[in-house]
Amino acid sequence: MTVRGKAPAKLNLTLSVSPGKEGYHDIDSLVCSIDIADAVVVSSRRDDNVNIVMHGLGAESIEYEDNNAVKAALLFQKTFDTKGVDITVYKNIPMGAGLGGSSADAAAVLKCMQKLYKSGTDEEVKALADSLGSDTGYMLCGGFARITGRGDIVERLDVPRRRTLDMILLLPKKGVSTRDAYRLSDLYEKHPDRTEEAIEALISGDTQGLGGLMYNDLTRAAEYLNPDVAQAKKELEGFAPFGVNMTGSGSAVFAVFENDMFCEWALSRYRGRYSCVRTKTIPGKPAEQEE
């Protein structure tokens, strides 16, 4: 039996970071899913082996023991005493960019195995996801949401399904270490937490207001670690969008425009040094699978 799923990338429209307990950080973030997604295929096995094949964007070089999709499968297998699986991941989400690709793949594997083996409640699968990474639990549902705590508290937002944000995404080749970005962020002054205001602007349809409220407390640390982040921001700001922000710990930077026409205009005129991609938000829903 085979189950297929989509694993959409995410963007952080806001990201407030504060020191937490036990060396971790607490966050408050308005997040959204975008129409860049990995494709995940999971097939059942008669033995206990967990195998994986990665395709695209250099993902073939990811070591087996470091692959979050493998970690998700092994954890699900151990928790619910299932047989093994064969996993194939077709990468479309750039790696090391703050787009949540590895978390998205892990979440998709969990959902696929839940259906494949008819094991685990949604609450149990969410707990597994939270143990794998700070935004993996959010990736189970996607869409517009507010995530707090260590990323494990997910509040889905009631945003009209037809409402989308039109964006341009710049992708520097070099990534940013998430661990280093969080560690260095403690040395910089933080923004006032504007997540609540940003949510109000989003729900009311005030895209321009939302753009002006976007921020990321990891940006200054990321710019120190990778100067391409600052350069990418500068290049996008030259198109006078509603707002520019870095997602996650970087290095991807995005700009929100008034509509897709302005995105097309910016895309056609971009002559900078980075890969430039047009994208938009998509509504959240549990990962769709089909046998």
C-alpha atoms as a PDB file:
ATOM      1  CA  MET A   1       0.000   0.000   0.000  1.00  0.00           C
ATOM      2  CA  THR A   2       1.233   3.476  -0.876  1.00  0.00           C
ATOM      3  CA  VAL A   3       0.227   6.885   0.466  1.00  0.00           C
ATOM      4  CA  ARG A   4       1.217  10.185  -1.138  1.00  0.00           C
ATOM      5  CA  GLY A   5       1.345  13.578   0.535  1.00  0.00           C
ATOM      6  CA  LYS A   6       2.330  17.184  -0.064  1.00  0.00           C
ATOM      7  CA  ALA A   7       4.671  18.985   2.302  1.00  0.00           C
ATOM      8  CA  PRO A   8       4.296  22.783   1.851  1.00  0.00           C
ATOM      9  CA  ALA A   9       6.945  25.262   2.941  1.00  0.00           C
ATOM     10  CA  LYS A  10       6.213  27.965   5.503  1.00  0.00           C
ATOM     11  CA  LEU A  11       7.102  31.613   6.030  1.00  0.00           C
ATOM     12  CA  ASN A  12       7.343  33.520   9.306  1.00  0.00           C
ATOM     13  CA  LEU A  13       5.500  36.808   8.860  1.00  0.00           C
ATOM     14  CA  THR A  14       6.504  37.742  12.414  1.00  0.00           C
ATOM     15  CA  LEU A  15       8.939  36.068  14.780  1.00  0.00           C
ATOM     16  CA  SER A  16       9.473  37.203  18.340  1.00  0.00           C
ATOM     17  CA  VAL A  17      12.194  35.355  20.259  1.00  0.00           C
ATOM     18  CA  SER A  18      12.835  35.397  24.007  1.00  0.00           C
ATOM     19  CA  PRO A  19      15.018  33.260  26.301  1.00  0.00           C
ATOM     20  CA  GLY A  20      13.144  30.259  27.641  1.00  0.00           C
ATOM     21  CA  LYS A  21      13.920  27.432  30.019  1.00  0.00           C
ATOM     22  CA  GLU A  22      16.590  24.741  29.790  1.00  0.00           C
ATOM     23  CA  GLY A  23      18.529  26.605  27.119  1.00  0.00           C
ATOM     24  CA  TYR A  24      15.605  26.805  24.713  1.00  0.00           C
ATOM     25  CA  HIS A  25      13.930  29.929  23.350  1.00  0.00           C
ATOM     26  CA  ASP A  26      10.255  30.823  23.414  1.00  0.00           C
ATOM     27  CA  ILE A  27       8.713  32.233  20.262  1.00  0.00           C
ATOM     28  CA  ASP A  28       5.608  34.078  19.150  1.00  0.00           C
ATOM     29  CA  SER A  29       5.133  33.894  15.399  1.00  0.00           C
ATOM     30  CA  LEU A  30       2.546  34.462  12.699  1.00  0.00           C
ATOM     31  CA  VAL A  31       3.204  31.782  10.101  1.00  0.00           C
ATOM     32  CA  CYS A  32       1.717  30.792   6.753  1.00  0.00           C
ATOM     33  CA  SER A  33       2.033  28.014   4.183  1.00  0.00           C
ATOM     34  CA  ILE A  34       3.162  28.803   0.643  1.00  0.00           C
ATOM     35  CA  ASP A  35       2.751  27.045  -2.675  1.00  0.00           C
ATOM     36  CA  ILE A  36       6.271  25.602  -2.735  1.00  0.00           C
ATOM     37  CA  ALA A  37       6.038  21.996  -1.564  1.00  0.00           C
ATOM     38  CA  ASP A  38       7.919  18.714  -1.434  1.00  0.00           C
ATOM     39  CA  ALA A  39       6.168  15.562  -2.623  1.00  0.00           C
ATOM     40  CA  VAL A  40       6.363  12.616  -0.221  1.00  0.00           C
ATOM     41  CA  VAL A  41       5.560   8.987  -1.078  1.00  0.00           C
ATOM     42  CA  VAL A  42       5.389   6.355   1.674  1.00  0.00           C
ATOM     43  CA  SER A  43       4.886   2.623   1.045  1.00  0.00           C
ATOM     44  CA  SER A  44       4.395  -0.122   3.610  1.00  0.00           C
ATOM     45  CA  ARG A  45       6.863  -2.972   4.050  1.00  0.00           C
ATOM     46  CA  ARG A  46       6.523  -6.486   5.426  1.00  0.00           C
ATOM     47  CA  ASP A  47       9.699  -6.147   7.469  1.00  0.00           C
ATOM     48  CA  ASP A  48      10.906  -3.510   9.924  1.00  0.00           C
ATOM     49  CA  ASN A  49      13.279  -1.637   7.619  1.00  0.00           C
ATOM     50  CA  VAL A  50      12.912   2.112   7.001  1.00  0.00           C
ATOM     51  CA  ASN A  51      14.402   3.140   3.664  1.00  0.00           C
ATOM     52  CA  ILE A  52      14.502   6.559   2.017  1.00  0.00           C
ATOM     53  CA  VAL A  53      15.374   7.977  -1.386  1.00  0.00           C
ATOM     54  CA  MET A  54      15.761  11.745  -1.822  1.00  0.00           C
ATOM     55  CA  HIS A  55      15.520  13.520  -5.167  1.00  0.00           C
ATOM     56  CA  GLY A  56      16.448  17.080  -6.079  1.00  0.00           C
ATOM     57  CA  LEU A  57      18.198  20.205  -4.774  1.00  0.00           C
ATOM     58  CA  GLY A  58      21.151  18.218  -3.470  1.00  0.00           C
ATOM     59  CA  ALA A  59      18.999  16.364  -0.945  1.00  0.00           C
ATOM     60  CA  GLU A  60      20.679  13.122  -1.963  1.00  0.00           C
ATOM     61  CA  SER A  61      23.625  14.179   0.223  1.00  0.00           C
ATOM     62  CA  ILE A  62      21.602  14.206   3.464  1.00  0.00           C
ATOM     63  CA  GLU A  63      22.886  11.462   5.737  1.00  0.00           C
ATOM     64  CA  TYR A  64      20.351   8.791   6.707  1.00  0.00           C
ATOM     65  CA  GLU A  65      20.713   9.422  10.445  1.00  0.00           C
ATOM     66  CA  ASP A  66      20.296  13.198   9.960  1.00  0.00           C
ATOM     67  CA  ASN A  67      17.169  12.995   7.802  1.00  0.00           C
ATOM     68  CA  ASN A  68      14.071  14.262   9.636  1.00  0.00           C
ATOM     69  CA  ALA A  69      11.771  12.163   7.470  1.00  0.00           C
ATOM     70  CA  VAL A  70      13.639   9.049   8.625  1.00  0.00           C
ATOM     71  CA  LYS A  71      13.520  10.206  12.245  1.00  0.00           C
ATOM     72  CA  ALA A  72       9.760  10.672  11.934  1.00  0.00           C
ATOM     73  CA  ALA A  73       9.261   7.211  10.456  1.00  0.00           C
ATOM     74  CA  LEU A  74      11.412   5.492  13.102  1.00  0.00           C
ATOM     75  CA  LEU A  75       9.635   7.346  15.897  1.00  0.00           C
ATOM     76  CA  PHE A  76       6.197   6.433  14.541  1.00  0.00           C
ATOM     77  CA  GLN A  77       7.283   2.806  14.113  1.00  0.00           C
ATOM     78  CA  LYS A  78       8.630   2.592  17.666  1.00  0.00           C
ATOM     79  CA  THR A  79       5.617   4.363  19.225  1.00  0.00           C
ATOM     80  CA  PHE A  80       2.893   2.344  17.477  1.00  0.00           C
ATOM     81  CA  ASP A  81       4.817  -0.902  16.836  1.00  0.00           C
ATOM     82  CA  THR A  82       4.310  -0.878  13.061  1.00  0.00           C
ATOM     83  CA  LYS A  83       6.254  -2.425  10.228  1.00  0.00           C
ATOM     84  CA  GLY A  84       8.752  -0.439   8.181  1.00  0.00           C
ATOM     85  CA  VAL A  85       8.296   1.854   5.198  1.00  0.00           C
ATOM     86  CA  ASP A  86       9.914   2.933   1.965  1.00  0.00           C
ATOM     87  CA  ILE A  87       9.999   6.742   1.682  1.00  0.00           C
ATOM     88  CA  THR A  88      10.632   8.818  -1.415  1.00  0.00           C
ATOM     89  CA  VAL A  89      10.928  12.593  -1.144  1.00  0.00           C
ATOM     90  CA  TYR A  90      10.955  14.876  -4.188  1.00  0.00           C
ATOM     91  CA  LYS A  91      12.501  18.141  -2.981  1.00  0.00           C
ATOM     92  CA  ASN A  92      11.187  21.470  -4.178  1.00  0.00           C
ATOM     93  CA  ILE A  93      11.715  23.416  -0.930  1.00  0.00           C
ATOM     94  CA  PRO A  94      15.220  24.932  -0.842  1.00  0.00           C
ATOM     95  CA  MET A  95      17.255  23.621   2.066  1.00  0.00           C
ATOM     96  CA  GLY A  96      18.850  25.739   4.768  1.00  0.00           C
ATOM     97  CA  ALA A  97      16.669  28.728   3.932  1.00  0.00           C
ATOM     98  CA  GLY A  98      14.296  28.913   6.915  1.00  0.00           C
ATOM     99  CA  LEU A  99      11.387  27.537   4.886  1.00  0.00           C
ATOM    100  CA  GLY A 100      10.816  24.497   7.102  1.00  0.00           C
ATOM    101  CA  GLY A 101      11.432  21.845   4.459  1.00  0.00           C
ATOM    102  CA  SER A 102      12.782  19.140   6.750  1.00  0.00           C
ATOM    103  CA  SER A 103       9.949  19.720   9.244  1.00  0.00           C
ATOM    104  CA  ALA A 104       7.401  19.607   6.437  1.00  0.00           C
ATOM    105  CA  ASP A 105       8.795  16.277   5.231  1.00  0.00           C
ATOM    106  CA  ALA A 106       8.701  14.837   8.756  1.00  0.00           C
ATOM    107  CA  ALA A 107       5.095  15.962   9.245  1.00  0.00           C
ATOM    108  CA  ALA A 108       4.059  14.481   5.904  1.00  0.00           C
ATOM    109  CA  VAL A 109       5.682  11.143   6.779  1.00  0.00           C
ATOM    110  CA  LEU A 110       3.839  11.051  10.115  1.00  0.00           C
ATOM    111  CA  LYS A 111       0.484  11.745   8.460  1.00  0.00           C
ATOM    112  CA  CYS A 112       1.137   9.187   5.733  1.00  0.00           C
ATOM    113  CA  MET A 113       2.097   6.506   8.244  1.00  0.00           C
ATOM    114  CA  GLN A 114      -0.939   7.323  10.364  1.00  0.00           C
ATOM    115  CA  LYS A 115      -3.133   6.540   7.394  1.00  0.00           C
ATOM    116  CA  LEU A 116      -0.999   3.692   6.106  1.00  0.00           C
ATOM    117  CA  TYR A 117      -1.058   1.742   9.370  1.00  0.00           C
ATOM    118  CA  LYS A 118      -4.291   3.190  10.818  1.00  0.00           C
ATOM    119  CA  SER A 119      -2.433   3.927  14.044  1.00  0.00           C
ATOM    120  CA  GLY A 120      -2.354   6.909  16.368  1.00  0.00           C
ATOM    121  CA  THR A 121      -4.819   9.674  17.103  1.00  0.00           C
ATOM    122  CA  ASP A 122      -4.267  13.187  15.784  1.00  0.00           C
ATOM    123  CA  GLU A 123      -3.244  14.257  19.282  1.00  0.00           C
ATOM    124  CA  GLU A 124      -0.692  11.439  19.535  1.00  0.00           C
ATOM    125  CA  VAL A 125       0.761  12.255  16.126  1.00  0.00           C
ATOM    126  CA  LYS A 126       0.975  15.937  17.093  1.00  0.00           C
ATOM    127  CA  ALA A 127       2.974  14.979  20.182  1.00  0.00           C
ATOM    128  CA  LEU A 128       5.396  13.002  18.013  1.00  0.00           C
ATOM    129  CA  ALA A 129       5.731  15.947  15.647  1.00  0.00           C
ATOM    130  CA  ASP A 130       6.486  18.351  18.504  1.00  0.00           C
ATOM    131  CA  SER A 131       9.270  16.098  19.708  1.00  0.00           C
ATOM    132  CA  LEU A 132      10.929  16.233  16.271  1.00  0.00           C
ATOM    133  CA  GLY A 133      11.236  20.000  15.869  1.00  0.00           C
ATOM    134  CA  SER A 134       9.844  23.368  16.838  1.00  0.00           C
ATOM    135  CA  ASP A 135       7.567  23.819  13.820  1.00  0.00           C
ATOM    136  CA  THR A 136       6.845  20.199  12.863  1.00  0.00           C
ATOM    137  CA  GLY A 137       3.553  20.167  14.778  1.00  0.00           C
ATOM    138  CA  TYR A 138       2.401  23.245  12.875  1.00  0.00           C
ATOM    139  CA  MET A 139       3.326  21.554   9.603  1.00  0.00           C
ATOM    140  CA  LEU A 140       0.687  18.875  10.240  1.00  0.00           C
ATOM    141  CA  CYS A 141      -2.027  21.439   9.496  1.00  0.00           C
ATOM    142  CA  GLY A 142      -0.296  24.418   7.855  1.00  0.00           C
ATOM    143  CA  GLY A 143      -2.115  27.533   6.701  1.00  0.00           C
ATOM    144  CA  PHE A 144      -2.237  30.753   8.697  1.00  0.00           C
ATOM    145  CA  ALA A 145      -1.502  30.170  12.358  1.00  0.00           C
ATOM    146  CA  ARG A 146       0.052  31.646  15.459  1.00  0.00           C
ATOM    147  CA  ILE A 147       2.692  29.454  17.059  1.00  0.00           C
ATOM    148  CA  THR A 148       3.986  30.079  20.573  1.00  0.00           C
ATOM    149  CA  GLY A 149       6.007  28.384  23.298  1.00  0.00           C
ATOM    150  CA  ARG A 150       8.754  26.357  21.639  1.00  0.00           C
ATOM    151  CA  GLY A 151       6.621  26.271  18.509  1.00  0.00           C
ATOM    152  CA  ASP A 152       4.468  23.469  19.885  1.00  0.00           C
ATOM    153  CA  ILE A 153       1.399  25.605  20.682  1.00  0.00           C
ATOM    154  CA  VAL A 154      -0.484  26.097  17.419  1.00  0.00           C
ATOM    155  CA  GLU A 155      -3.506  28.385  17.070  1.00  0.00           C
ATOM    156  CA  ARG A 156      -5.174  28.114  13.674  1.00  0.00           C
ATOM    157  CA  LEU A 157      -6.438  31.484  12.416  1.00  0.00           C
ATOM    158  CA  ASP A 158      -9.826  32.066  10.850  1.00  0.00           C
ATOM    159  CA  VAL A 159      -8.673  33.667   7.592  1.00  0.00           C
ATOM    160  CA  PRO A 160     -10.925  33.499   4.506  1.00  0.00           C
ATOM    161  CA  ARG A 161      -9.704  30.685   2.257  1.00  0.00           C
ATOM    162  CA  ARG A 162      -9.646  32.917  -0.799  1.00  0.00           C
ATOM    163  CA  ARG A 163      -7.375  35.477   0.845  1.00  0.00           C
ATOM    164  CA  THR A 164      -3.793  35.126  -0.310  1.00  0.00           C
ATOM    165  CA  LEU A 165      -0.572  37.060   0.044  1.00  0.00           C
ATOM    166  CA  ASP A 166       1.428  37.546  -3.159  1.00  0.00           C
ATOM    167  CA  MET A 167       5.173  37.423  -2.611  1.00  0.00           C
ATOM    168  CA  ILE A 168       8.630  37.327  -4.133  1.00  0.00           C
ATOM    169  CA  LEU A 169      11.222  35.111  -2.447  1.00  0.00           C
ATOM    170  CA  LEU A 170      15.008  35.576  -2.715  1.00  0.00           C
ATOM    171  CA  LEU A 171      17.213  32.581  -1.965  1.00  0.00           C
ATOM    172  CA  PRO A 172      20.884  33.179  -1.108  1.00  0.00           C
ATOM    173  CA  LYS A 173      23.004  30.105  -1.801  1.00  0.00           C
ATOM    174  CA  LYS A 174      24.536  30.024   1.669  1.00  0.00           C
ATOM    175  CA  GLY A 175      22.290  29.147   4.590  1.00  0.00           C
ATOM    176  CA  VAL A 176      22.346  30.218   8.236  1.00  0.00           C
ATOM    177  CA  SER A 177      22.909  27.954  11.234  1.00  0.00           C
ATOM    178  CA  THR A 178      19.677  27.943  13.236  1.00  0.00           C
ATOM    179  CA  ARG A 179      21.539  27.208  16.463  1.00  0.00           C
ATOM    180  CA  ASP A 180      23.980  30.072  15.930  1.00  0.00           C
ATOM    181  CA  ALA A 181      21.230  32.502  14.936  1.00  0.00           C
ATOM    182  CA  TYR A 182      19.267  31.835  18.117  1.00  0.00           C
ATOM    183  CA  ARG A 183      22.383  32.017  20.267  1.00  0.00           C
ATOM    184  CA  LEU A 184      23.532  35.327  18.791  1.00  0.00           C
ATOM    185  CA  SER A 185      20.047  36.828  18.843  1.00  0.00           C
ATOM    186  CA  ASP A 186      20.319  37.149  22.638  1.00  0.00           C
ATOM    187  CA  LEU A 187      23.022  39.781  22.092  1.00  0.00           C
ATOM    188  CA  TYR A 188      20.714  42.088  20.127  1.00  0.00           C
ATOM    189  CA  GLU A 189      17.823  44.266  21.222  1.00  0.00           C
ATOM    190  CA  LYS A 190      14.499  42.649  20.356  1.00  0.00           C
ATOM    191  CA  HIS A 191      11.535  44.170  18.540  1.00  0.00           C
ATOM    192  CA  PRO A 192       8.327  44.803  20.456  1.00  0.00           C
ATOM    193  CA  ASP A 193       6.124  41.759  19.844  1.00  0.00           C
ATOM    194  CA  ARG A 194       3.774  42.858  17.057  1.00  0.00           C
ATOM    195  CA  THR A 195       2.297  39.446  16.297  1.00  0.00           C
ATOM    196  CA  GLU A 196      -1.136  40.301  17.685  1.00  0.00           C
ATOM    197  CA  GLU A 197      -1.295  43.486  15.583  1.00  0.00           C
ATOM    198  CA  ALA A 198      -0.135  41.586  12.506  1.00  0.00           C
ATOM    199  CA  ILE A 199      -2.870  38.984  13.013  1.00  0.00           C
ATOM    200  CA  GLU A 200      -5.491  41.719  13.257  1.00  0.00           C
ATOM    201  CA  ALA A 201      -4.236  43.270  10.003  1.00  0.00           C
ATOM    202  CA  LEU A 202      -4.241  39.880   8.270  1.00  0.00           C
ATOM    203  CA  ILE A 203      -7.764  38.968   9.338  1.00  0.00           C
ATOM    204  CA  SER A 204      -9.131  42.403   8.412  1.00  0.00           C
ATOM    205  CA  GLY A 205      -7.578  42.195   4.938  1.00  0.00           C
ATOM    206  CA  ASP A 206      -5.132  45.089   5.540  1.00  0.00           C
ATOM    207  CA  THR A 207      -2.219  43.660   3.555  1.00  0.00           C
ATOM    208  CA  GLN A 208      -0.316  46.946   3.534  1.00  0.00           C
ATOM    209  CA  GLY A 209      -0.642  47.222   7.293  1.00  0.00           C
ATOM    210  CA  LEU A 210       0.504  43.634   7.690  1.00  0.00           C
ATOM    211  CA  GLY A 211       3.563  44.315   5.555  1.00  0.00           C
ATOM    212  CA  GLY A 212       4.555  47.187   7.795  1.00  0.00           C
ATOM    213  CA  LEU A 213       4.250  45.025  10.908  1.00  0.00           C
ATOM    214  CA  MET A 214       6.459  42.148   9.727  1.00  0.00           C
ATOM    215  CA  TYR A 215       9.672  41.550  11.670  1.00  0.00           C
ATOM    216  CA  ASN A 216      12.021  38.777  12.770  1.00  0.00           C
ATOM    217  CA  ASP A 217      14.127  38.873  15.928  1.00  0.00           C
ATOM    218  CA  LEU A 218      16.714  36.578  14.328  1.00  0.00           C
ATOM    219  CA  THR A 219      17.435  38.926  11.414  1.00  0.00           C
ATOM    220  CA  ARG A 220      20.365  40.858  12.870  1.00  0.00           C
ATOM    221  CA  ALA A 221      22.090  37.678  13.984  1.00  0.00           C
ATOM    222  CA  ALA A 222      21.492  36.107  10.572  1.00  0.00           C
ATOM    223  CA  GLU A 223      22.867  39.188   8.813  1.00  0.00           C
ATOM    224  CA  TYR A 224      26.015  38.908  10.910  1.00  0.00           C
ATOM    225  CA  LEU A 225      26.390  35.222  10.068  1.00  0.00           C
ATOM    226  CA  ASN A 226      25.511  35.680   6.388  1.00  0.00           C
ATOM    227  CA  PRO A 227      25.740  39.192   4.851  1.00  0.00           C
ATOM    228  CA  ASP A 228      23.677  37.959   1.897  1.00  0.00           C
ATOM    229  CA  VAL A 229      20.591  38.274   4.113  1.00  0.00           C
ATOM    230  CA  ALA A 230      21.041  42.047   4.392  1.00  0.00           C
ATOM    231  CA  GLN A 231      21.802  42.366   0.686  1.00  0.00           C
ATOM    232  CA  ALA A 232      18.736  40.352  -0.308  1.00  0.00           C
ATOM    233  CA  LYS A 233      16.541  42.543   1.904  1.00  0.00           C
ATOM    234  CA  LYS A 234      17.993  45.669   0.311  1.00  0.00           C
ATOM    235  CA  GLU A 235      17.352  44.363  -3.197  1.00  0.00           C
ATOM    236  CA  LEU A 236      13.715  43.547  -2.425  1.00  0.00           C
ATOM    237  CA  GLU A 237      13.120  46.881  -0.700  1.00  0.00           C
ATOM    238  CA  GLY A 238      14.107  48.541  -3.968  1.00  0.00           C
ATOM    239  CA  PHE A 239      10.802  47.373  -5.468  1.00  0.00           C
ATOM    240  CA  ALA A 240       8.782  49.239  -2.793  1.00  0.00           C
ATOM    241  CA  PRO A 241       6.690  46.260  -1.596  1.00  0.00           C
ATOM    242  CA  PHE A 242       4.312  46.420   1.349  1.00  0.00           C
ATOM    243  CA  GLY A 243       6.962  44.759   3.511  1.00  0.00           C
ATOM    244  CA  VAL A 244      10.152  42.686   3.533  1.00  0.00           C
ATOM    245  CA  ASN A 245      11.121  40.030   6.077  1.00  0.00           C
ATOM    246  CA  MET A 246      13.437  37.089   6.642  1.00  0.00           C
ATOM    247  CA  THR A 247      11.813  33.730   7.346  1.00  0.00           C
ATOM    248  CA  GLY A 248      12.917  31.472  10.183  1.00  0.00           C
ATOM    249  CA  SER A 249      16.635  31.765  10.843  1.00  0.00           C
ATOM    250  CA  GLY A 250      17.244  32.564   7.168  1.00  0.00           C
ATOM    251  CA  SER A 251      18.696  32.867   4.733  1.00  0.00           C
ATOM    252  CA  ALA A 252      15.564  33.257   2.551  1.00  0.00           C
ATOM    253  CA  VAL A 253      14.036  36.743   2.416  1.00  0.00           C
ATOM    254  CA  PHE A 254      10.608  37.599   1.039  1.00  0.00           C
ATOM    255  CA  ALA A 255       8.575  40.646   0.054  1.00  0.00           C
ATOM    256  CA  VAL A 256       4.790  41.032   0.191  1.00  0.00           C
ATOM    257  CA  PHE A 257       3.243  42.902  -2.749  1.00  0.00           C
ATOM    258  CA  GLU A 258      -0.195  44.341  -3.378  1.00  0.00           C
ATOM    259  CA  ASN A 259      -1.162  41.643  -5.885  1.00  0.00           C
ATOM    260  CA  ASP A 260       0.234  39.116  -8.346  1.00  0.00           C
ATOM    261  CA  MET A 261       0.595  41.762 -11.067  1.00  0.00           C
ATOM    262  CA  PHE A 262       3.188  43.632  -8.993  1.00  0.00           C
ATOM    263  CA  CYS A 263       4.925  40.328  -8.222  1.00  0.00           C
ATOM    264  CA  GLU A 264       5.200  39.628 -11.948  1.00  0.00           C
ATOM    265  CA  TRP A 265       6.545  43.125 -12.506  1.00  0.00           C
ATOM    266  CA  ALA A 266       9.219  42.723  -9.804  1.00  0.00           C
ATOM    267  CA  LEU A 267      10.138  39.249 -11.005  1.00  0.00           C
ATOM    268  CA  SER A 268      10.585  40.452 -14.606  1.00  0.00           C
ATOM    269  CA  ARG A 269      12.876  43.289 -13.512  1.00  0.00           C
ATOM    270  CA  TYR A 270      14.962  41.587 -10.868  1.00  0.00           C
ATOM    271  CA  ARG A 271      18.631  41.557 -11.880  1.00  0.00           C
ATOM    272  CA  GLY A 272      20.222  40.720  -8.552  1.00  0.00           C
ATOM    273  CA  ARG A 273      22.555  37.947  -7.523  1.00  0.00           C
ATOM    274  CA  TYR A 274      20.059  35.558  -5.929  1.00  0.00           C
ATOM    275  CA  SER A 275      17.571  32.996  -7.122  1.00  0.00           C
ATOM    276  CA  CYS A 276      14.202  34.755  -7.322  1.00  0.00           C
ATOM    277  CA  VAL A 277      10.900  32.897  -6.995  1.00  0.00           C
ATOM    278  CA  ARG A 278       7.308  34.081  -7.086  1.00  0.00           C
ATOM    279  CA  THR A 279       5.084  32.469  -4.462  1.00  0.00           C
ATOM    280  CA  LYS A 280       1.805  32.930  -2.612  1.00  0.00           C
ATOM    281  CA  THR A 281       0.097  31.681   0.517  1.00  0.00           C
ATOM    282  CA  ILE A 282      -2.175  28.638   0.487  1.00  0.00           C
ATOM    283  CA  PRO A 283      -4.917  27.664   2.950  1.00  0.00           C
ATOM    284  CA  GLY A 284      -4.104  25.179   5.650  1.00  0.00           C
ATOM    285  CA  LYS A 285      -5.494  21.681   5.845  1.00  0.00           C
ATOM    286  CA  PRO A 286      -4.284  18.274   6.951  1.00  0.00           C
ATOM    287  CA  ALA A 287      -1.869  16.806   4.432  1.00  0.00           C
ATOM    288  CA  GLU A 288      -3.828  15.163   1.649  1.00  0.00           C
ATOM    289  CA  GLN A 289      -2.958  11.573   0.968  1.00  0.00           C
ATOM    290  CA  GLU A 290      -4.179   9.168  -1.633  1.00  0.00           C
ATOM    291  CA  GLU A 291      -3.649   5.447  -1.914  1.00  0.00           C
END
